[in-house]
Amino acid sequence: MKSTIFSPPPDDDHRPKNDGSLESIMAEYLERIEAGENPSPETYLSAYPEHADELRSFFRNHHWIVETPTPQTPLLIGTHVGPYEIESEVARGGMGVVYRAKQQGLERPVALKLISSGLLAGEEERKRFRIEAEAAARLDHPGIIAIHEIGSWQGYEYFSMTLVDGPTLQQRVDANEFDDAESARIVREIARAVAYAHRAGIVHRDLKPENILLSHD
């Protein structure tokens, strides 16, 4: 049996006790916070889909006001996201979390990126995430990771990519593993990939050694 961190959305008999209006939902949430509880925004979003947009905005603003971090994508190890089974977390960034996963049916390893703010992501954030994926999917270059699929799962936007098992460029630099010839070759390959993306109208706004993966071949 596969584990999952998600419980079924509460039914009407188990909804938080209020009259269902947006004001009473927000008031109850704040009262529970003041009482020392840690209510889950996801529970409220699932229970009150008719107020989802307003509640997302409320939760984001509340976490900003009290200077606590916005809830991130939960740990999904062992969970199935569409046709992908999550195996481990690879990295976290400003917009997304990348997991190592296995694509069911094809039984191949992939990298799976989910939007980091999850159910609290607003429409504009979801749009930016999807635009990033669609732009990357149009690229076809040996030095750029290929996008396999773009989708949505339980309110989370995601896209799958070719998994690169090698180290980052920063890790290789820190280990002092390069001679002059190898350094020149890697710089040349990076420049070719970046130039190709630029010709396609795409600019990588966070290009740095930590974000460059080196394959073993």
Foldseek 3Di string as FASTA:
>chain_A
DFDFPDDQADDPVPQPDDPLDPVRVLVVVVVCVVVVHDDDLVNVCSHNVVCLQVSLVVLVVVCVVVVHDQQWDDDGARHDFDQWHFHAWDDDDDFWTWTWTAGPPVRDIWIKIKGTNFSSDHPVSLVVVVVVLVLLCVDDDPQGWHWDDWDDGPRITMTITHDAPAAFQVVCVVVVPDDPVRVVVVVVSVVVVQVSSVVSVDHDPDDDRRPGGDHPD
